[in-house]
Amino acid sequence: DFAVIDRIGSGPNCDVYTFPYAVKIEA
């Protein structure tokens, strides 16, 4: 998943955010 500020949506394997950078989190 990708975790950053301001979540605007989500996909099957990652979340979509408005923040310019996404931090990939493997869990």
N, C-alpha and C. Protein backbone atom coordinates (compact mmCIF):
# COMPACT_ATOMS: atom_id res chain seq x y z
N ASP A 1 0.84 -1.20 0.00
CA ASP A 1 0.00 0.00 0.00
C ASP A 1 0.88 1.25 0.00
N PHE A 2 0.25 2.34 -0.35
CA PHE A 2 0.95 3.61 -0.31
C PHE A 2 0.29 4.49 0.73
N ALA A 3 1.08 4.97 1.67
CA ALA A 3 0.50 5.76 2.75
C ALA A 3 1.09 7.16 2.79
N VAL A 4 0.24 8.15 2.58
CA VAL A 4 0.67 9.54 2.66
C VAL A 4 -0.49 10.34 3.24
N ILE A 5 -0.40 11.65 3.18
CA ILE A 5 -1.44 12.53 3.72
C ILE A 5 -2.60 12.64 2.73
N ASP A 6 -3.79 12.93 3.25
CA ASP A 6 -4.96 13.24 2.42
C ASP A 6 -5.34 12.13 1.46
N ARG A 7 -6.03 11.16 1.95
CA ARG A 7 -6.48 10.07 1.10
C ARG A 7 -7.66 10.52 0.26
N ILE A 8 -7.60 10.25 -1.06
CA ILE A 8 -8.70 10.66 -1.93
C ILE A 8 -9.38 9.47 -2.58
N GLY A 9 -8.76 8.30 -2.50
CA GLY A 9 -9.38 7.14 -3.12
C GLY A 9 -8.58 5.90 -2.83
N SER A 10 -8.97 4.79 -3.43
CA SER A 10 -8.25 3.55 -3.19
C SER A 10 -8.35 2.64 -4.39
N GLY A 11 -7.37 1.75 -4.51
CA GLY A 11 -7.37 0.77 -5.59
C GLY A 11 -7.23 -0.61 -4.99
N PRO A 12 -7.13 -1.63 -5.81
CA PRO A 12 -7.05 -3.01 -5.35
C PRO A 12 -5.80 -3.28 -4.52
N ASN A 13 -4.72 -2.57 -4.82
CA ASN A 13 -3.46 -2.85 -4.14
C ASN A 13 -2.80 -1.61 -3.55
N CYS A 14 -3.40 -0.44 -3.77
CA CYS A 14 -2.80 0.77 -3.24
C CYS A 14 -3.84 1.84 -3.05
N ASP A 15 -3.53 2.80 -2.20
CA ASP A 15 -4.42 3.91 -1.97
C ASP A 15 -3.91 5.13 -2.73
N VAL A 16 -4.81 5.98 -3.15
CA VAL A 16 -4.42 7.16 -3.91
C VAL A 16 -4.56 8.40 -3.03
N TYR A 17 -3.54 9.25 -3.08
CA TYR A 17 -3.54 10.42 -2.22
C TYR A 17 -3.27 11.69 -3.03
N THR A 18 -3.55 12.83 -2.44
CA THR A 18 -3.32 14.10 -3.11
C THR A 18 -1.87 14.54 -2.93
N PHE A 19 -1.22 14.04 -1.89
CA PHE A 19 0.15 14.44 -1.59
C PHE A 19 1.08 14.00 -2.72
N PRO A 20 2.01 14.86 -3.12
CA PRO A 20 2.90 14.61 -4.26
C PRO A 20 3.75 13.36 -4.12
N TYR A 21 4.01 12.95 -2.91
CA TYR A 21 4.88 11.79 -2.71
C TYR A 21 4.14 10.68 -2.00
N ALA A 22 4.41 9.46 -2.40
CA ALA A 22 3.78 8.32 -1.76
C ALA A 22 4.85 7.42 -1.17
N VAL A 23 4.60 6.92 0.02
CA VAL A 23 5.55 6.03 0.66
C VAL A 23 5.03 4.61 0.53
N LYS A 24 5.77 3.77 -0.17
CA LYS A 24 5.34 2.40 -0.36
C LYS A 24 5.58 1.60 0.90
N ILE A 25 4.51 1.00 1.40
CA ILE A 25 4.62 0.20 2.62
C ILE A 25 4.36 -1.26 2.29
N GLU A 26 5.34 -2.09 2.56
CA GLU A 26 5.16 -3.52 2.34
C GLU A 26 4.88 -4.18 3.68
N ALA A 27 3.74 -4.84 3.78
CA ALA A 27 3.38 -5.46 5.04
C ALA A 27 2.81 -6.85 4.80
